[in-house]
Amino acid sequence: YPYVLSLCISGSGGFIFKQWKKRFLLITAEGSLLVCHDASSPPSQLVLLQNSCEAIVEGKEILDLPKLPSGGGRDCCFALILPQNKYLLLLAETSDFLSHTEKNDEKLKNEFNVLTCP
């Protein structure tokens, strides 16, 4: 499972965050991202990609990225930018996940109306 970290921005502009946790992710046909404890658990977080995801940013573009778990690299990380200064950071175990995501980026933008940052 990938690691997930929920973030929000404090008034001073810094991240407020908890620890990285391994979670099971599922994207539904309706365009929702479900974050679950494991494959058999109900979702603990729901992101409506069409309505709630303002942008997707690669880890190498995040200047103040929190400390990554052991073995994690910026090339394996990306963030979903959500409303109200909230972020959902996702960290895959390998960069293969992101390579696959980049290849399908146009499909993601079309299906979920998600804009990528320049």
C-alpha atoms as a PDB file:
ATOM      1  CA  TYR A   1       0.000   0.000   0.000  1.00  0.00           C
ATOM      2  CA  PRO A   2       1.132   3.571  -0.528  1.00  0.00           C
ATOM      3  CA  TYR A   3       1.773   5.925   2.369  1.00  0.00           C
ATOM      4  CA  VAL A   4      -0.724   8.726   2.947  1.00  0.00           C
ATOM      5  CA  LEU A   5      -0.300  11.947   4.890  1.00  0.00           C
ATOM      6  CA  SER A   6      -3.096  14.474   5.359  1.00  0.00           C
ATOM      7  CA  LEU A   7      -1.895  18.064   5.673  1.00  0.00           C
ATOM      8  CA  CYS A   8      -3.261  21.506   6.170  1.00  0.00           C
ATOM      9  CA  ILE A   9      -1.542  24.882   6.096  1.00  0.00           C
ATOM     10  CA  SER A  10      -1.246  26.850   9.326  1.00  0.00           C
ATOM     11  CA  GLY A  11      -1.804  30.602   9.443  1.00  0.00           C
ATOM     12  CA  SER A  12       1.965  31.134   9.307  1.00  0.00           C
ATOM     13  CA  GLY A  13       2.204  29.145   6.063  1.00  0.00           C
ATOM     14  CA  GLY A  14       3.828  25.997   7.473  1.00  0.00           C
ATOM     15  CA  PHE A  15       2.480  22.469   7.289  1.00  0.00           C
ATOM     16  CA  ILE A  16       0.569  20.941  10.196  1.00  0.00           C
ATOM     17  CA  PHE A  17       0.741  17.170   9.810  1.00  0.00           C
ATOM     18  CA  LYS A  18       0.604  13.793  11.451  1.00  0.00           C
ATOM     19  CA  GLN A  19       2.795  10.775  10.768  1.00  0.00           C
ATOM     20  CA  TRP A  20       2.898   8.964   7.451  1.00  0.00           C
ATOM     21  CA  LYS A  21       0.633   5.894   7.491  1.00  0.00           C
ATOM     22  CA  LYS A  22       0.270   3.035   5.021  1.00  0.00           C
ATOM     23  CA  ARG A  23      -3.216   3.044   3.541  1.00  0.00           C
ATOM     24  CA  PHE A  24      -5.203   1.298   0.809  1.00  0.00           C
ATOM     25  CA  LEU A  25      -6.367   3.667  -1.958  1.00  0.00           C
ATOM     26  CA  LEU A  26      -9.242   3.098  -4.346  1.00  0.00           C
ATOM     27  CA  ILE A  27     -10.470   5.328  -7.176  1.00  0.00           C
ATOM     28  CA  THR A  28     -14.124   4.664  -7.955  1.00  0.00           C
ATOM     29  CA  ALA A  29     -15.775   4.844 -11.368  1.00  0.00           C
ATOM     30  CA  GLU A  30     -17.610   7.951 -10.121  1.00  0.00           C
ATOM     31  CA  GLY A  31     -14.303   9.771  -9.591  1.00  0.00           C
ATOM     32  CA  SER A  32     -13.854   9.485  -5.838  1.00  0.00           C
ATOM     33  CA  LEU A  33     -10.624   8.610  -4.065  1.00  0.00           C
ATOM     34  CA  LEU A  34     -11.237   6.400  -1.027  1.00  0.00           C
ATOM     35  CA  VAL A  35      -8.529   6.153   1.633  1.00  0.00           C
ATOM     36  CA  CYS A  36      -8.955   2.976   3.723  1.00  0.00           C
ATOM     37  CA  HIS A  37      -6.964   1.370   6.535  1.00  0.00           C
ATOM     38  CA  ASP A  38      -6.746  -1.830   4.446  1.00  0.00           C
ATOM     39  CA  ALA A  39      -8.556  -3.485   1.530  1.00  0.00           C
ATOM     40  CA  SER A  40     -11.437  -4.710   3.711  1.00  0.00           C
ATOM     41  CA  SER A  41     -11.957  -1.559   5.818  1.00  0.00           C
ATOM     42  CA  PRO A  42     -14.484   1.197   5.152  1.00  0.00           C
ATOM     43  CA  PRO A  43     -12.999   4.493   3.944  1.00  0.00           C
ATOM     44  CA  SER A  44     -11.567   6.819   6.569  1.00  0.00           C
ATOM     45  CA  GLN A  45     -11.305   9.643   4.038  1.00  0.00           C
ATOM     46  CA  LEU A  46     -13.143  10.468   0.827  1.00  0.00           C
ATOM     47  CA  VAL A  47     -11.908  12.910  -1.825  1.00  0.00           C
ATOM     48  CA  LEU A  48     -14.340  13.825  -4.595  1.00  0.00           C
ATOM     49  CA  LEU A  49     -11.788  14.361  -7.349  1.00  0.00           C
ATOM     50  CA  GLN A  50     -14.127  16.274  -9.673  1.00  0.00           C
ATOM     51  CA  ASN A  51     -15.207  18.756  -7.024  1.00  0.00           C
ATOM     52  CA  SER A  52     -12.510  18.772  -4.351  1.00  0.00           C
ATOM     53  CA  CYS A  53      -9.165  18.271  -6.069  1.00  0.00           C
ATOM     54  CA  GLU A  54      -7.803  21.580  -7.325  1.00  0.00           C
ATOM     55  CA  ALA A  55      -4.453  20.253  -8.595  1.00  0.00           C
ATOM     56  CA  ILE A  56      -1.948  17.399  -8.541  1.00  0.00           C
ATOM     57  CA  VAL A  57       1.658  18.319  -7.720  1.00  0.00           C
ATOM     58  CA  GLU A  58       4.682  16.019  -8.016  1.00  0.00           C
ATOM     59  CA  GLY A  59       6.939  15.620  -4.984  1.00  0.00           C
ATOM     60  CA  LYS A  60       9.884  17.275  -6.715  1.00  0.00           C
ATOM     61  CA  GLU A  61       7.767  20.454  -6.997  1.00  0.00           C
ATOM     62  CA  ILE A  62       6.876  20.588  -3.270  1.00  0.00           C
ATOM     63  CA  LEU A  63       9.427  22.872  -1.617  1.00  0.00           C
ATOM     64  CA  ASP A  64       8.694  22.137   2.054  1.00  0.00           C
ATOM     65  CA  LEU A  65       7.896  18.427   1.796  1.00  0.00           C
ATOM     66  CA  PRO A  66       7.702  16.804   5.260  1.00  0.00           C
ATOM     67  CA  LYS A  67      10.298  14.190   6.174  1.00  0.00           C
ATOM     68  CA  LEU A  68       9.608  11.027   4.187  1.00  0.00           C
ATOM     69  CA  PRO A  69       9.537   7.517   5.680  1.00  0.00           C
ATOM     70  CA  SER A  70      12.694   5.427   5.388  1.00  0.00           C
ATOM     71  CA  GLY A  71      13.336   4.568   1.743  1.00  0.00           C
ATOM     72  CA  GLY A  72      10.854   7.154   0.451  1.00  0.00           C
ATOM     73  CA  GLY A  73      11.924   9.593  -2.245  1.00  0.00           C
ATOM     74  CA  ARG A  74      10.528  12.753  -3.818  1.00  0.00           C
ATOM     75  CA  ASP A  75      10.181  10.883  -7.105  1.00  0.00           C
ATOM     76  CA  CYS A  76       7.630   8.567  -5.428  1.00  0.00           C
ATOM     77  CA  CYS A  77       5.526  11.345  -3.886  1.00  0.00           C
ATOM     78  CA  PHE A  78       2.742  13.624  -5.088  1.00  0.00           C
ATOM     79  CA  ALA A  79       0.105  15.845  -3.510  1.00  0.00           C
ATOM     80  CA  LEU A  80      -3.570  16.375  -4.150  1.00  0.00           C
ATOM     81  CA  ILE A  81      -4.343  20.035  -3.501  1.00  0.00           C
ATOM     82  CA  LEU A  82      -7.731  20.318  -1.798  1.00  0.00           C
ATOM     83  CA  PRO A  83      -9.858  23.343  -0.826  1.00  0.00           C
ATOM     84  CA  GLN A  84      -9.281  25.331   2.371  1.00  0.00           C
ATOM     85  CA  ASN A  85      -5.468  24.986   2.331  1.00  0.00           C
ATOM     86  CA  LYS A  86      -5.611  21.200   2.750  1.00  0.00           C
ATOM     87  CA  TYR A  87      -3.317  18.735   1.023  1.00  0.00           C
ATOM     88  CA  LEU A  88      -3.271  14.973   0.732  1.00  0.00           C
ATOM     89  CA  LEU A  89       0.281  13.743   0.222  1.00  0.00           C
ATOM     90  CA  LEU A  90       0.657  10.299  -1.304  1.00  0.00           C
ATOM     91  CA  LEU A  91       3.883   8.308  -1.320  1.00  0.00           C
ATOM     92  CA  ALA A  92       4.169   5.148  -3.412  1.00  0.00           C
ATOM     93  CA  GLU A  93       6.749   2.477  -2.612  1.00  0.00           C
ATOM     94  CA  THR A  94       8.311   2.928  -6.068  1.00  0.00           C
ATOM     95  CA  SER A  95       8.296   5.601  -8.742  1.00  0.00           C
ATOM     96  CA  ASP A  96       6.594   3.111 -11.106  1.00  0.00           C
ATOM     97  CA  PHE A  97       3.233   4.223  -9.707  1.00  0.00           C
ATOM     98  CA  LEU A  98       3.953   7.833 -10.609  1.00  0.00           C
ATOM     99  CA  SER A  99       5.302   6.871 -14.031  1.00  0.00           C
ATOM    100  CA  HIS A 100       2.019   5.087 -14.678  1.00  0.00           C
ATOM    101  CA  THR A 101       0.109   8.108 -13.368  1.00  0.00           C
ATOM    102  CA  GLU A 102       2.066  10.493 -15.618  1.00  0.00           C
ATOM    103  CA  LYS A 103       1.338   8.325 -18.672  1.00  0.00           C
ATOM    104  CA  ASN A 104      -2.346   8.446 -17.818  1.00  0.00           C
ATOM    105  CA  ASP A 105      -2.330  12.094 -16.738  1.00  0.00           C
ATOM    106  CA  GLU A 106      -4.383  13.209 -19.743  1.00  0.00           C
ATOM    107  CA  LYS A 107      -6.922  10.487 -18.996  1.00  0.00           C
ATOM    108  CA  LEU A 108      -7.072  11.616 -15.349  1.00  0.00           C
ATOM    109  CA  LYS A 109      -7.605  15.239 -16.375  1.00  0.00           C
ATOM    110  CA  ASN A 110     -10.387  14.254 -18.768  1.00  0.00           C
ATOM    111  CA  GLU A 111     -12.134  11.861 -16.392  1.00  0.00           C
ATOM    112  CA  PHE A 112     -11.813  13.867 -13.194  1.00  0.00           C
ATOM    113  CA  ASN A 113     -11.379  17.436 -14.505  1.00  0.00           C
ATOM    114  CA  VAL A 114      -8.213  17.681 -12.422  1.00  0.00           C
ATOM    115  CA  LEU A 115      -5.727  20.395 -13.366  1.00  0.00           C
ATOM    116  CA  THR A 116      -2.030  19.763 -12.993  1.00  0.00           C
ATOM    117  CA  CYS A 117       0.289  22.510 -11.842  1.00  0.00           C
ATOM    118  CA  PRO A 118       2.696  23.917 -14.447  1.00  0.00           C
END
